[in-house]
């Protein structure tokens, strides 16, 4: 299955909506797209919406963690929202929630990052 990436900028926040499968086949493509969008625009914060993400493996975890580090280096914040049950389990087991907050939806994520949409 393919992965679709939808990106939207709101002020200095990059909102990324992923649908499909984030795995070793798609991770490099997503990494390049996100890095390009973060570097080209005045992106301070990142929200990843995973509502339609059906599957993710360790390569996907690497993409998320790498973007977290990149945003953190810029002094920004990153959050996840709308995480599906299977993906939530993987994120929980990885310990990612200890460093990154998860929210019910995009609006609460934006509020949680103290960014008004």
PDB file of N, CA and C in Angstrom:
ATOM      1  N   UNK A   1       0.829  -1.182   0.000  1.00  0.00           N
ATOM      2  CA  UNK A   1       0.000   0.000   0.000  1.00  0.00           C
ATOM      3  C   UNK A   1       0.875   1.248   0.000  1.00  0.00           C
ATOM      4  N   UNK A   2       0.411   2.300  -0.593  1.00  0.00           N
ATOM      5  CA  UNK A   2       1.139   3.550  -0.662  1.00  0.00           C
ATOM      6  C   UNK A   2       0.892   4.412   0.557  1.00  0.00           C
ATOM      7  N   UNK A   3       1.692   5.438   0.647  1.00  0.00           N
ATOM      8  CA  UNK A   3       1.536   6.417   1.710  1.00  0.00           C
ATOM      9  C   UNK A   3       1.236   7.758   1.070  1.00  0.00           C
ATOM     10  N   UNK A   4       0.251   8.444   1.616  1.00  0.00           N
ATOM     11  CA  UNK A   4      -0.074   9.790   1.151  1.00  0.00           C
ATOM     12  C   UNK A   4       0.309  10.775   2.235  1.00  0.00           C
ATOM     13  N   UNK A   5       0.926  11.867   1.818  1.00  0.00           N
ATOM     14  CA  UNK A   5       1.363  12.909   2.738  1.00  0.00           C
ATOM     15  C   UNK A   5       0.671  14.206   2.343  1.00  0.00           C
ATOM     16  N   UNK A   6      -0.080  14.777   3.283  1.00  0.00           N
ATOM     17  CA  UNK A   6      -0.739  16.058   3.065  1.00  0.00           C
ATOM     18  C   UNK A   6      -0.145  17.039   4.054  1.00  0.00           C
ATOM     19  N   UNK A   7       0.370  18.158   3.543  1.00  0.00           N
ATOM     20  CA  UNK A   7       0.994  19.151   4.414  1.00  0.00           C
ATOM     21  C   UNK A   7       0.273  20.484   4.300  1.00  0.00           C
ATOM     22  N   UNK A   8       0.157  21.136   5.453  1.00  0.00           N
ATOM     23  CA  UNK A   8      -0.487  22.448   5.515  1.00  0.00           C
ATOM     24  C   UNK A   8       0.270  23.305   6.520  1.00  0.00           C
ATOM     25  N   UNK A   9       0.506  24.544   6.161  1.00  0.00           N
ATOM     26  CA  UNK A   9       1.141  25.485   7.086  1.00  0.00           C
ATOM     27  C   UNK A   9       0.085  26.407   7.674  1.00  0.00           C
ATOM     28  N   UNK A  10       0.113  26.559   8.973  1.00  0.00           N
ATOM     29  CA  UNK A  10      -0.716  27.533   9.676  1.00  0.00           C
ATOM     30  C   UNK A  10       0.226  28.329  10.550  1.00  0.00           C
ATOM     31  N   UNK A  11       0.416  29.575  10.180  1.00  0.00           N
ATOM     32  CA  UNK A  11       1.400  30.438  10.855  1.00  0.00           C
ATOM     33  C   UNK A  11       2.752  29.765  10.791  1.00  0.00           C
ATOM     34  N   UNK A  12       3.345  29.426  11.922  1.00  0.00           N
ATOM     35  CA  UNK A  12       4.663  28.790  11.923  1.00  0.00           C
ATOM     36  C   UNK A  12       4.565  27.308  12.279  1.00  0.00           C
ATOM     37  N   UNK A  13       3.398  26.724  12.020  1.00  0.00           N
ATOM     38  CA  UNK A  13       3.172  25.313  12.333  1.00  0.00           C
ATOM     39  C   UNK A  13       2.983  24.533  11.038  1.00  0.00           C
ATOM     40  N   UNK A  14       3.712  23.452  10.916  1.00  0.00           N
ATOM     41  CA  UNK A  14       3.519  22.536   9.800  1.00  0.00           C
ATOM     42  C   UNK A  14       2.641  21.393  10.300  1.00  0.00           C
ATOM     43  N   UNK A  15       1.468  21.245   9.685  1.00  0.00           N
ATOM     44  CA  UNK A  15       0.571  20.138  10.015  1.00  0.00           C
ATOM     45  C   UNK A  15       0.713  19.107   8.905  1.00  0.00           C
ATOM     46  N   UNK A  16       1.060  17.891   9.299  1.00  0.00           N
ATOM     47  CA  UNK A  16       1.281  16.810   8.339  1.00  0.00           C
ATOM     48  C   UNK A  16       0.278  15.701   8.630  1.00  0.00           C
ATOM     49  N   UNK A  17      -0.486  15.345   7.604  1.00  0.00           N
ATOM     50  CA  UNK A  17      -1.458  14.258   7.716  1.00  0.00           C
ATOM     51  C   UNK A  17      -0.966  13.079   6.882  1.00  0.00           C
ATOM     52  N   UNK A  18      -0.769  11.949   7.557  1.00  0.00           N
ATOM     53  CA  UNK A  18      -0.285  10.754   6.881  1.00  0.00           C
ATOM     54  C   UNK A  18      -1.404   9.737   6.746  1.00  0.00           C
ATOM     55  N   UNK A  19      -1.493   9.119   5.577  1.00  0.00           N
ATOM     56  CA  UNK A  19      -2.478   8.049   5.395  1.00  0.00           C
ATOM     57  C   UNK A  19      -1.829   6.911   4.614  1.00  0.00           C
ATOM     58  N   UNK A  20      -2.128   5.705   5.026  1.00  0.00           N
ATOM     59  CA  UNK A  20      -1.546   4.528   4.394  1.00  0.00           C
ATOM     60  C   UNK A  20      -0.591   3.833   5.334  1.00  0.00           C
ATOM     61  N   UNK A  21       0.620   3.524   4.819  1.00  0.00           N
ATOM     62  CA  UNK A  21       1.608   2.783   5.599  1.00  0.00           C
ATOM     63  C   UNK A  21       2.937   3.518   5.608  1.00  0.00           C
ATOM     64  N   UNK A  22       3.440   3.769   6.797  1.00  0.00           N
ATOM     65  CA  UNK A  22       4.761   4.382   6.957  1.00  0.00           C
ATOM     66  C   UNK A  22       5.713   3.276   7.379  1.00  0.00           C
ATOM     67  N   UNK A  23       6.466   2.772   6.404  1.00  0.00           N
ATOM     68  CA  UNK A  23       7.364   1.644   6.656  1.00  0.00           C
ATOM     69  C   UNK A  23       8.676   1.854   5.913  1.00  0.00           C
ATOM     70  N   UNK A  24       9.494   0.815   5.852  1.00  0.00           N
ATOM     71  CA  UNK A  24      10.807   0.943   5.220  1.00  0.00           C
ATOM     72  C   UNK A  24      10.727   1.285   3.735  1.00  0.00           C
ATOM     73  N   UNK A  25       9.589   1.035   3.098  1.00  0.00           N
ATOM     74  CA  UNK A  25       9.408   1.372   1.683  1.00  0.00           C
ATOM     75  C   UNK A  25       9.132   2.862   1.486  1.00  0.00           C
ATOM     76  N   UNK A  26       8.522   3.505   2.455  1.00  0.00           N
ATOM     77  CA  UNK A  26       8.074   4.894   2.298  1.00  0.00           C
ATOM     78  C   UNK A  26       8.805   5.889   3.195  1.00  0.00           C
ATOM     79  N   UNK A  27       9.569   5.409   4.159  1.00  0.00           N
ATOM     80  CA  UNK A  27      10.183   6.276   5.172  1.00  0.00           C
ATOM     81  C   UNK A  27      11.124   7.326   4.568  1.00  0.00           C
ATOM     82  N   UNK A  28      11.988   6.938   3.646  1.00  0.00           N
ATOM     83  CA  UNK A  28      12.935   7.900   3.077  1.00  0.00           C
ATOM     84  C   UNK A  28      12.225   9.021   2.336  1.00  0.00           C
ATOM     85  N   UNK A  29      11.195   8.678   1.588  1.00  0.00           N
ATOM     86  CA  UNK A  29      10.418   9.675   0.846  1.00  0.00           C
ATOM     87  C   UNK A  29       9.770  10.674   1.804  1.00  0.00           C
ATOM     88  N   UNK A  30       9.171  10.179   2.869  1.00  0.00           N
ATOM     89  CA  UNK A  30       8.521  11.041   3.859  1.00  0.00           C
ATOM     90  C   UNK A  30       9.557  11.910   4.561  1.00  0.00           C
ATOM     91  N   UNK A  31      10.657  11.332   4.921  1.00  0.00           N
ATOM     92  CA  UNK A  31      11.739  12.070   5.597  1.00  0.00           C
ATOM     93  C   UNK A  31      12.182  13.256   4.742  1.00  0.00           C
ATOM     94  N   UNK A  32      12.411  13.014   3.456  1.00  0.00           N
ATOM     95  CA  UNK A  32      12.850  14.083   2.555  1.00  0.00           C
ATOM     96  C   UNK A  32      11.783  15.167   2.409  1.00  0.00           C
ATOM     97  N   UNK A  33      10.532  14.765   2.270  1.00  0.00           N
ATOM     98  CA  UNK A  33       9.441  15.738   2.138  1.00  0.00           C
ATOM     99  C   UNK A  33       9.327  16.622   3.377  1.00  0.00           C
ATOM    100  N   UNK A  34       9.371  16.006   4.541  1.00  0.00           N
ATOM    101  CA  UNK A  34       9.234  16.766   5.782  1.00  0.00           C
ATOM    102  C   UNK A  34      10.436  17.677   6.006  1.00  0.00           C
ATOM    103  N   UNK A  35      11.622  17.165   5.789  1.00  0.00           N
ATOM    104  CA  UNK A  35      12.813  17.995   5.979  1.00  0.00           C
ATOM    105  C   UNK A  35      12.794  19.200   5.042  1.00  0.00           C
ATOM    106  N   UNK A  36      12.397  18.973   3.807  1.00  0.00           N
ATOM    107  CA  UNK A  36      12.321  20.057   2.840  1.00  0.00           C
ATOM    108  C   UNK A  36      11.295  21.109   3.286  1.00  0.00           C
ATOM    109  N   UNK A  37      10.125  20.656   3.707  1.00  0.00           N
ATOM    110  CA  UNK A  37       9.077  21.587   4.149  1.00  0.00           C
ATOM    111  C   UNK A  37       9.506  22.347   5.404  1.00  0.00           C
ATOM    112  N   UNK A  38      10.180  21.695   6.313  1.00  0.00           N
ATOM    113  CA  UNK A  38      10.630  22.345   7.546  1.00  0.00           C
ATOM    114  C   UNK A  38      11.697  23.387   7.243  1.00  0.00           C
ATOM    115  N   UNK A  39      12.622  23.063   6.352  1.00  0.00           N
ATOM    116  CA  UNK A  39      13.727  23.972   6.053  1.00  0.00           C
ATOM    117  C   UNK A  39      13.307  25.143   5.164  1.00  0.00           C
ATOM    118  N   UNK A  40      12.413  24.903   4.209  1.00  0.00           N
ATOM    119  CA  UNK A  40      12.007  25.958   3.264  1.00  0.00           C
ATOM    120  C   UNK A  40      11.091  27.001   3.887  1.00  0.00           C
ATOM    121  N   UNK A  41      10.221  26.567   4.754  1.00  0.00           N
ATOM    122  CA  UNK A  41       9.249  27.470   5.358  1.00  0.00           C
ATOM    123  C   UNK A  41       9.707  27.853   6.753  1.00  0.00           C
ATOM    124  N   UNK A  42       9.096  28.865   7.288  1.00  0.00           N
ATOM    125  CA  UNK A  42       9.432  29.280   8.652  1.00  0.00           C
ATOM    126  C   UNK A  42       8.644  28.406   9.628  1.00  0.00           C
ATOM    127  N   UNK A  43       9.021  27.154   9.677  1.00  0.00           N
ATOM    128  CA  UNK A  43       8.348  26.189  10.524  1.00  0.00           C
ATOM    129  C   UNK A  43       9.016  26.129  11.887  1.00  0.00           C
ATOM    130  N   UNK A  44       8.245  26.427  12.907  1.00  0.00           N
ATOM    131  CA  UNK A  44       8.756  26.328  14.266  1.00  0.00           C
ATOM    132  C   UNK A  44       8.246  25.070  14.960  1.00  0.00           C
ATOM    133  N   UNK A  45       6.998  24.705  14.650  1.00  0.00           N
ATOM    134  CA  UNK A  45       6.354  23.584  15.324  1.00  0.00           C
ATOM    135  C   UNK A  45       5.829  22.595  14.286  1.00  0.00           C
ATOM    136  N   UNK A  46       5.651  21.351  14.726  1.00  0.00           N
ATOM    137  CA  UNK A  46       5.180  20.293  13.836  1.00  0.00           C
ATOM    138  C   UNK A  46       4.090  19.483  14.524  1.00  0.00           C
ATOM    139  N   UNK A  47       2.983  19.285  13.816  1.00  0.00           N
ATOM    140  CA  UNK A  47       1.906  18.416  14.285  1.00  0.00           C
ATOM    141  C   UNK A  47       1.760  17.295  13.268  1.00  0.00           C
ATOM    142  N   UNK A  48       1.856  16.059  13.730  1.00  0.00           N
ATOM    143  CA  UNK A  48       1.642  14.895  12.867  1.00  0.00           C
ATOM    144  C   UNK A  48       0.282  14.302  13.176  1.00  0.00           C
ATOM    145  N   UNK A  49      -0.588  14.325  12.191  1.00  0.00           N
ATOM    146  CA  UNK A  49      -1.917  13.732  12.326  1.00  0.00           C
ATOM    147  C   UNK A  49      -1.862  12.329  11.723  1.00  0.00           C
ATOM    148  N   UNK A  50      -2.145  11.334  12.539  1.00  0.00           N
ATOM    149  CA  UNK A  50      -1.997   9.937  12.114  1.00  0.00           C
ATOM    150  C   UNK A  50      -3.330   9.210  12.020  1.00  0.00           C
ATOM    151  N   UNK A  51      -4.410   9.968  11.852  1.00  0.00           N
ATOM    152  CA  UNK A  51      -5.760   9.397  11.840  1.00  0.00           C
ATOM    153  C   UNK A  51      -5.922   8.301  10.784  1.00  0.00           C
ATOM    154  N   UNK A  52      -5.312   8.485   9.619  1.00  0.00           N
ATOM    155  CA  UNK A  52      -5.472   7.532   8.523  1.00  0.00           C
ATOM    156  C   UNK A  52      -4.229   6.673   8.287  1.00  0.00           C
ATOM    157  N   UNK A  53      -3.322   6.670   9.259  1.00  0.00           N
ATOM    158  CA  UNK A  53      -2.136   5.828   9.150  1.00  0.00           C
ATOM    159  C   UNK A  53      -2.503   4.425   9.626  1.00  0.00           C
ATOM    160  N   UNK A  54      -2.469   3.478   8.715  1.00  0.00           N
ATOM    161  CA  UNK A  54      -2.919   2.116   9.018  1.00  0.00           C
ATOM    162  C   UNK A  54      -1.814   1.224   9.588  1.00  0.00           C
ATOM    163  N   UNK A  55      -0.571   1.546   9.242  1.00  0.00           N
ATOM    164  CA  UNK A  55       0.546   0.707   9.680  1.00  0.00           C
ATOM    165  C   UNK A  55       1.809   1.551   9.781  1.00  0.00           C
ATOM    166  N   UNK A  56       2.645   1.220  10.758  1.00  0.00           N
ATOM    167  CA  UNK A  56       3.943   1.861  10.887  1.00  0.00           C
ATOM    168  C   UNK A  56       4.914   0.863  11.492  1.00  0.00           C
ATOM    169  N   UNK A  57       6.145   0.862  10.980  1.00  0.00           N
ATOM    170  CA  UNK A  57       7.176   0.001  11.552  1.00  0.00           C
ATOM    171  C   UNK A  57       8.286   0.864  12.155  1.00  0.00           C
ATOM    172  N   UNK A  58       9.405   0.254  12.490  1.00  0.00           N
ATOM    173  CA  UNK A  58      10.491   0.986  13.146  1.00  0.00           C
ATOM    174  C   UNK A  58      11.074   2.086  12.258  1.00  0.00           C
ATOM    175  N   UNK A  59      10.980   1.927  10.944  1.00  0.00           N
ATOM    176  CA  UNK A  59      11.436   2.991  10.039  1.00  0.00           C
ATOM    177  C   UNK A  59      10.592   4.244  10.226  1.00  0.00           C
ATOM    178  N   UNK A  60       9.303   4.056  10.437  1.00  0.00           N
ATOM    179  CA  UNK A  60       8.407   5.180  10.706  1.00  0.00           C
ATOM    180  C   UNK A  60       8.732   5.854  12.023  1.00  0.00           C
ATOM    181  N   UNK A  61       9.065   5.046  13.027  1.00  0.00           N
ATOM    182  CA  UNK A  61       9.490   5.608  14.310  1.00  0.00           C
ATOM    183  C   UNK A  61      10.735   6.479  14.125  1.00  0.00           C
ATOM    184  N   UNK A  62      11.630   6.013  13.277  1.00  0.00           N
ATOM    185  CA  UNK A  62      12.848   6.775  13.005  1.00  0.00           C
ATOM    186  C   UNK A  62      12.548   8.118  12.346  1.00  0.00           C
ATOM    187  N   UNK A  63      11.586   8.122  11.436  1.00  0.00           N
ATOM    188  CA  UNK A  63      11.180   9.367  10.787  1.00  0.00           C
ATOM    189  C   UNK A  63      10.631  10.343  11.825  1.00  0.00           C
ATOM    190  N   UNK A  64       9.752   9.857  12.681  1.00  0.00           N
ATOM    191  CA  UNK A  64       9.135  10.714  13.696  1.00  0.00           C
ATOM    192  C   UNK A  64      10.188  11.244  14.663  1.00  0.00           C
ATOM    193  N   UNK A  65      11.045  10.376  15.153  1.00  0.00           N
ATOM    194  CA  UNK A  65      12.069  10.792  16.112  1.00  0.00           C
ATOM    195  C   UNK A  65      13.057  11.785  15.492  1.00  0.00           C
ATOM    196  N   UNK A  66      13.426  11.539  14.256  1.00  0.00           N
ATOM    197  CA  UNK A  66      14.342  12.449  13.564  1.00  0.00           C
ATOM    198  C   UNK A  66      13.751  13.833  13.373  1.00  0.00           C
ATOM    199  N   UNK A  67      12.454  13.905  13.030  1.00  0.00           N
ATOM    200  CA  UNK A  67      11.803  15.212  12.853  1.00  0.00           C
ATOM    201  C   UNK A  67      11.634  15.902  14.204  1.00  0.00           C
ATOM    202  N   UNK A  68      11.418  15.110  15.266  1.00  0.00           N
ATOM    203  CA  UNK A  68      11.339  15.674  16.612  1.00  0.00           C
ATOM    204  C   UNK A  68      12.657  16.374  16.958  1.00  0.00           C
ATOM    205  N   UNK A  69      13.771  15.698  16.684  1.00  0.00           N
ATOM    206  CA  UNK A  69      15.083  16.271  16.981  1.00  0.00           C
ATOM    207  C   UNK A  69      15.330  17.540  16.165  1.00  0.00           C
ATOM    208  N   UNK A  70      14.929  17.518  14.898  1.00  0.00           N
ATOM    209  CA  UNK A  70      15.108  18.675  14.029  1.00  0.00           C
ATOM    210  C   UNK A  70      14.308  19.883  14.526  1.00  0.00           C
ATOM    211  N   UNK A  71      13.053  19.652  14.881  1.00  0.00           N
ATOM    212  CA  UNK A  71      12.191  20.728  15.390  1.00  0.00           C
ATOM    213  C   UNK A  71      12.720  21.226  16.735  1.00  0.00           C
ATOM    214  N   UNK A  72      13.154  20.317  17.581  1.00  0.00           N
ATOM    215  CA  UNK A  72      13.683  20.678  18.901  1.00  0.00           C
ATOM    216  C   UNK A  72      14.927  21.561  18.755  1.00  0.00           C
ATOM    217  N   UNK A  73      15.793  21.234  17.790  1.00  0.00           N
ATOM    218  CA  UNK A  73      16.992  22.041  17.541  1.00  0.00           C
ATOM    219  C   UNK A  73      16.636  23.465  17.127  1.00  0.00           C
ATOM    220  N   UNK A  74      15.484  23.622  16.469  1.00  0.00           N
ATOM    221  CA  UNK A  74      15.041  24.947  16.048  1.00  0.00           C
ATOM    222  C   UNK A  74      14.304  25.680  17.173  1.00  0.00           C
ATOM    223  N   UNK A  75      14.197  25.036  18.337  1.00  0.00           N
ATOM    224  CA  UNK A  75      13.515  25.644  19.474  1.00  0.00           C
ATOM    225  C   UNK A  75      12.017  25.455  19.452  1.00  0.00           C
ATOM    226  N   UNK A  76      11.534  24.558  18.601  1.00  0.00           N
ATOM    227  CA  UNK A  76      10.097  24.338  18.468  1.00  0.00           C
ATOM    228  C   UNK A  76       9.597  23.135  19.237  1.00  0.00           C
ATOM    229  N   UNK A  77       8.311  22.872  19.045  1.00  0.00           N
ATOM    230  CA  UNK A  77       7.648  21.744  19.698  1.00  0.00           C
ATOM    231  C   UNK A  77       7.006  20.863  18.630  1.00  0.00           C
ATOM    232  N   UNK A  78       6.811  19.606  18.992  1.00  0.00           N
ATOM    233  CA  UNK A  78       6.177  18.653  18.091  1.00  0.00           C
ATOM    234  C   UNK A  78       5.139  17.860  18.860  1.00  0.00           C
ATOM    235  N   UNK A  79       4.039  17.539  18.182  1.00  0.00           N
ATOM    236  CA  UNK A  79       2.975  16.756  18.808  1.00  0.00           C
ATOM    237  C   UNK A  79       2.393  15.786  17.793  1.00  0.00           C
ATOM    238  N   UNK A  80       1.810  14.718  18.314  1.00  0.00           N
ATOM    239  CA  UNK A  80       1.083  13.742  17.503  1.00  0.00           C
ATOM    240  C   UNK A  80      -0.395  13.845  17.841  1.00  0.00           C
ATOM    241  N   UNK A  81      -1.248  13.540  16.869  1.00  0.00           N
ATOM    242  CA  UNK A  81      -2.683  13.531  17.163  1.00  0.00           C
ATOM    243  C   UNK A  81      -3.401  12.491  16.315  1.00  0.00           C
ATOM    244  N   UNK A  82      -4.610  12.168  16.739  1.00  0.00           N
ATOM    245  CA  UNK A  82      -5.487  11.233  16.014  1.00  0.00           C
ATOM    246  C   UNK A  82      -4.792   9.910  15.698  1.00  0.00           C
ATOM    247  N   UNK A  83      -4.116   9.345  16.679  1.00  0.00           N
ATOM    248  CA  UNK A  83      -3.334   8.129  16.454  1.00  0.00           C
ATOM    249  C   UNK A  83      -4.236   6.895  16.504  1.00  0.00           C
ATOM    250  N   UNK A  84      -4.131   6.049  15.479  1.00  0.00           N
ATOM    251  CA  UNK A  84      -4.917   4.818  15.431  1.00  0.00           C
ATOM    252  C   UNK A  84      -4.406   3.831  16.473  1.00  0.00           C
ATOM    253  N   UNK A  85      -5.233   2.872  16.847  1.00  0.00           N
ATOM    254  CA  UNK A  85      -4.882   1.920  17.901  1.00  0.00           C
ATOM    255  C   UNK A  85      -3.600   1.135  17.616  1.00  0.00           C
ATOM    256  N   UNK A  86      -3.434   0.534  16.421  1.00  0.00           N
ATOM    257  CA  UNK A  86      -2.198  -0.231  16.195  1.00  0.00           C
ATOM    258  C   UNK A  86      -0.941   0.644  16.249  1.00  0.00           C
ATOM    259  N   UNK A  87      -1.025   1.846  15.697  1.00  0.00           N
ATOM    260  CA  UNK A  87       0.114   2.753  15.704  1.00  0.00           C
ATOM    261  C   UNK A  87       0.362   3.250  17.130  1.00  0.00           C
ATOM    262  N   UNK A  88      -0.703   3.494  17.872  1.00  0.00           N
ATOM    263  CA  UNK A  88      -0.576   3.937  19.264  1.00  0.00           C
ATOM    264  C   UNK A  88       0.220   2.912  20.074  1.00  0.00           C
ATOM    265  N   UNK A  89      -0.086   1.643  19.877  1.00  0.00           N
ATOM    266  CA  UNK A  89       0.618   0.584  20.625  1.00  0.00           C
ATOM    267  C   UNK A  89       2.112   0.613  20.339  1.00  0.00           C
ATOM    268  N   UNK A  90       2.471   0.781  19.069  1.00  0.00           N
ATOM    269  CA  UNK A  90       3.880   0.831  18.696  1.00  0.00           C
ATOM    270  C   UNK A  90       4.556   2.053  19.314  1.00  0.00           C
ATOM    271  N   UNK A  91       3.909   3.194  19.265  1.00  0.00           N
ATOM    272  CA  UNK A  91       4.472   4.417  19.845  1.00  0.00           C
ATOM    273  C   UNK A  91       4.628   4.285  21.353  1.00  0.00           C
ATOM    274  N   UNK A  92       3.654   3.652  21.974  1.00  0.00           N
ATOM    275  CA  UNK A  92       3.692   3.454  23.426  1.00  0.00           C
ATOM    276  C   UNK A  92       4.850   2.534  23.821  1.00  0.00           C
ATOM    277  N   UNK A  93       4.998   1.436  23.096  1.00  0.00           N
ATOM    278  CA  UNK A  93       6.079   0.486  23.387  1.00  0.00           C
ATOM    279  C   UNK A  93       7.444   1.118  23.173  1.00  0.00           C
ATOM    280  N   UNK A  94       7.532   2.033  22.223  1.00  0.00           N
ATOM    281  CA  UNK A  94       8.818   2.668  21.926  1.00  0.00           C
ATOM    282  C   UNK A  94       9.210   3.706  22.966  1.00  0.00           C
ATOM    283  N   UNK A  95       8.247   4.150  23.760  1.00  0.00           N
ATOM    284  CA  UNK A  95       8.518   5.174  24.761  1.00  0.00           C
ATOM    285  C   UNK A  95       8.467   6.590  24.206  1.00  0.00           C
ATOM    286  N   UNK A  96       7.995   6.754  22.987  1.00  0.00           N
ATOM    287  CA  UNK A  96       7.952   8.064  22.344  1.00  0.00           C
ATOM    288  C   UNK A  96       7.081   9.067  23.094  1.00  0.00           C
ATOM    289  N   UNK A  97       6.055   8.581  23.768  1.00  0.00           N
ATOM    290  CA  UNK A  97       5.150   9.481  24.491  1.00  0.00           C
ATOM    291  C   UNK A  97       5.809  10.117  25.707  1.00  0.00           C
ATOM    292  N   UNK A  98       6.957   9.596  26.104  1.00  0.00           N
ATOM    293  CA  UNK A  98       7.679  10.201  27.227  1.00  0.00           C
ATOM    294  C   UNK A  98       8.328  11.523  26.816  1.00  0.00           C
ATOM    295  N   UNK A  99       8.587  11.682  25.515  1.00  0.00           N
ATOM    296  CA  UNK A  99       9.218  12.919  25.050  1.00  0.00           C
ATOM    297  C   UNK A  99       8.295  13.785  24.199  1.00  0.00           C
ATOM    298  N   UNK A 100       7.213  13.213  23.711  1.00  0.00           N
ATOM    299  CA  UNK A 100       6.342  13.923  22.789  1.00  0.00           C
ATOM    300  C   UNK A 100       4.876  13.728  23.180  1.00  0.00           C
ATOM    301  N   UNK A 101       4.108  14.822  23.253  1.00  0.00           N
ATOM    302  CA  UNK A 101       2.699  14.675  23.637  1.00  0.00           C
ATOM    303  C   UNK A 101       1.836  14.134  22.506  1.00  0.00           C
ATOM    304  N   UNK A 102       0.732  13.502  22.895  1.00  0.00           N
ATOM    305  CA  UNK A 102      -0.255  13.015  21.935  1.00  0.00           C
ATOM    306  C   UNK A 102      -1.587  13.657  22.282  1.00  0.00           C
ATOM    307  N   UNK A 103      -2.321  14.054  21.250  1.00  0.00           N
ATOM    308  CA  UNK A 103      -3.597  14.739  21.435  1.00  0.00           C
ATOM    309  C   UNK A 103      -4.689  14.028  20.645  1.00  0.00           C
ATOM    310  N   UNK A 104      -5.914  14.307  21.056  1.00  0.00           N
ATOM    311  CA  UNK A 104      -7.075  13.667  20.435  1.00  0.00           C
ATOM    312  C   UNK A 104      -7.268  14.092  18.984  1.00  0.00           C
ATOM    313  N   UNK A 105      -7.034  15.373  18.685  1.00  0.00           N
ATOM    314  CA  UNK A 105      -7.239  15.872  17.328  1.00  0.00           C
ATOM    315  C   UNK A 105      -6.317  17.061  17.060  1.00  0.00           C
ATOM    316  N   UNK A 106      -6.397  17.586  15.844  1.00  0.00           N
ATOM    317  CA  UNK A 106      -5.508  18.678  15.444  1.00  0.00           C
ATOM    318  C   UNK A 106      -5.713  19.940  16.274  1.00  0.00           C
ATOM    319  N   UNK A 107      -6.956  20.283  16.539  1.00  0.00           N
ATOM    320  CA  UNK A 107      -7.201  21.530  17.274  1.00  0.00           C
ATOM    321  C   UNK A 107      -6.656  21.461  18.695  1.00  0.00           C
ATOM    322  N   UNK A 108      -6.795  20.299  19.352  1.00  0.00           N
ATOM    323  CA  UNK A 108      -6.234  20.190  20.699  1.00  0.00           C
ATOM    324  C   UNK A 108      -4.703  20.143  20.652  1.00  0.00           C
ATOM    325  N   UNK A 109      -4.146  19.590  19.585  1.00  0.00           N
ATOM    326  CA  UNK A 109      -2.693  19.585  19.432  1.00  0.00           C
ATOM    327  C   UNK A 109      -2.173  21.015  19.271  1.00  0.00           C
ATOM    328  N   UNK A 110      -2.843  21.790  18.439  1.00  0.00           N
ATOM    329  CA  UNK A 110      -2.444  23.185  18.257  1.00  0.00           C
ATOM    330  C   UNK A 110      -2.575  23.972  19.567  1.00  0.00           C
ATOM    331  N   UNK A 111      -3.644  23.719  20.296  1.00  0.00           N
ATOM    332  CA  UNK A 111      -3.817  24.370  21.597  1.00  0.00           C
ATOM    333  C   UNK A 111      -2.740  23.920  22.565  1.00  0.00           C
ATOM    334  N   UNK A 112      -2.445  22.629  22.558  1.00  0.00           N
ATOM    335  CA  UNK A 112      -1.432  22.080  23.450  1.00  0.00           C
ATOM    336  C   UNK A 112      -0.053  22.630  23.193  1.00  0.00           C
ATOM    337  N   UNK A 113       0.212  22.966  21.932  1.00  0.00           N
ATOM    338  CA  UNK A 113       1.493  23.572  21.583  1.00  0.00           C
ATOM    339  C   UNK A 113       1.466  25.079  21.832  1.00  0.00           C
ATOM    340  N   UNK A 114       0.333  25.537  22.364  1.00  0.00           N
ATOM    341  CA  UNK A 114       0.115  26.961  22.620  1.00  0.00           C
ATOM    342  C   UNK A 114       0.191  27.784  21.337  1.00  0.00           C
ATOM    343  N   UNK A 115      -0.374  27.199  20.273  1.00  0.00           N
ATOM    344  CA  UNK A 115      -0.425  27.860  18.974  1.00  0.00           C
ATOM    345  C   UNK A 115      -1.882  28.033  18.610  1.00  0.00           C
ATOM    346  N   UNK A 116      -2.302  29.240  18.361  1.00  0.00           N
ATOM    347  CA  UNK A 116      -3.698  29.495  17.994  1.00  0.00           C
ATOM    348  C   UNK A 116      -3.833  29.303  16.491  1.00  0.00           C
ATOM    349  N   UNK A 117      -4.799  28.477  16.081  1.00  0.00           N
ATOM    350  CA  UNK A 117      -4.980  28.212  14.662  1.00  0.00           C
ATOM    351  C   UNK A 117      -5.714  29.310  13.952  1.00  0.00           C
TER     352      UNK A 117
END
